[in-house]
Protein backbone atom coordinates (compact mmCIF):
# COMPACT_ATOMS: atom_id res chain seq x y z
CA MET A 1 0.00 0.00 0.00
CA ASP A 2 1.22 3.48 -0.83
CA ASP A 3 1.71 5.92 2.01
CA PHE A 4 0.60 9.05 0.15
CA GLN A 5 -2.83 10.63 -0.19
CA ILE A 6 -4.08 11.96 -3.51
CA LYS A 7 -5.14 15.62 -3.36
CA LYS A 8 -6.11 15.95 -7.02
CA ILE A 9 -6.71 13.70 -10.03
CA VAL A 10 -5.84 14.95 -13.51
CA ASP A 11 -7.50 12.91 -16.27
CA CYS A 12 -5.63 13.34 -19.55
CA ARG A 13 -6.85 10.22 -21.31
CA GLY A 14 -6.98 10.77 -25.06
CA LYS A 15 -4.75 13.87 -24.90
CA ASN A 16 -1.32 14.13 -26.52
CA CYS A 17 1.70 16.14 -25.44
CA PRO A 18 1.92 18.84 -24.18
CA ILE A 19 -1.61 18.74 -22.69
CA PRO A 20 -0.89 16.15 -19.94
CA LEU A 21 2.10 18.13 -18.63
CA THR A 22 0.25 21.44 -18.96
CA ARG A 23 -2.71 20.14 -16.96
CA LEU A 24 -0.42 18.56 -14.36
CA LYS A 25 1.47 21.83 -13.93
CA LYS A 26 -1.82 23.71 -13.41
CA ALA A 27 -2.99 21.14 -10.85
CA LEU A 28 0.26 21.47 -8.92
CA GLU A 29 -0.16 25.25 -8.77
CA ASN A 30 -3.37 24.75 -6.77
CA ILE A 31 -2.07 22.42 -4.04
CA ASN A 32 0.42 22.68 -1.19
CA SER A 33 4.01 21.51 -1.15
CA GLY A 34 4.12 17.83 -0.20
CA ASP A 35 0.67 17.10 -1.67
CA THR A 36 0.24 14.45 -4.38
CA VAL A 37 -1.46 14.56 -7.79
CA HIS A 38 -2.55 11.45 -9.69
CA MET A 39 -2.30 12.04 -13.44
CA ILE A 40 -3.78 9.54 -15.92
CA SER A 41 -2.64 9.50 -19.54
CA THR A 42 -3.05 7.26 -22.60
CA PHE A 43 -0.11 8.89 -24.40
CA PRO A 44 2.71 6.28 -24.36
CA GLU A 45 5.49 8.89 -24.49
CA SER A 46 4.18 10.30 -21.21
CA VAL A 47 6.39 7.85 -19.32
CA ASP A 48 9.62 9.35 -20.67
CA HIS A 49 8.25 12.89 -20.55
CA MET A 50 7.30 12.55 -16.88
CA VAL A 51 10.76 11.35 -15.86
CA ILE A 52 12.43 14.26 -17.65
CA TRP A 53 9.85 16.79 -16.41
CA SER A 54 10.16 15.71 -12.77
CA ARG A 55 13.96 16.02 -12.90
CA LYS A 56 13.71 19.51 -14.41
CA THR A 57 11.05 20.80 -12.03
CA GLY A 58 12.09 19.07 -8.79
CA ASN A 59 8.61 17.64 -8.29
CA GLU A 60 8.95 14.01 -7.20
CA LEU A 61 7.59 11.24 -9.39
CA LEU A 62 6.58 8.85 -6.61
CA LYS A 63 5.18 6.05 -8.72
CA THR A 64 4.34 5.11 -12.30
CA GLU A 65 1.93 2.33 -13.28
CA ALA A 66 0.81 1.05 -16.68
CA LYS A 67 -2.62 -0.60 -16.79
CA GLY A 68 -4.61 -1.50 -19.89
CA GLY A 69 -3.20 1.21 -22.14
CA GLU A 70 -3.31 3.83 -19.40
CA TYR A 71 -0.37 5.35 -17.58
CA HIS A 72 -0.82 6.45 -13.99
CA PHE A 73 1.61 8.92 -12.45
CA PHE A 74 1.77 9.96 -8.82
CA VAL A 75 3.60 13.27 -8.39
CA MET A 76 4.41 15.02 -5.13
CA LYS A 77 4.74 18.79 -5.32
CA LYS A 78 8.12 20.09 -4.20
């Protein structure tokens, strides 16, 4: 079991880059440091983009899961 609580869910299914990252960034602007966002994407390149984005921004990519053509990302705001 994960020890983080989701503060916001960002559903980006069916959206291509840069929309998932743009919506994630907006969601992070509206939560506190240490809070977690769950972002869902169907864009396969999201996996690589999220790793690079989290390194650049300092927001922590806590967990990534792939399920049935969907990619689930759990990001903690720095």
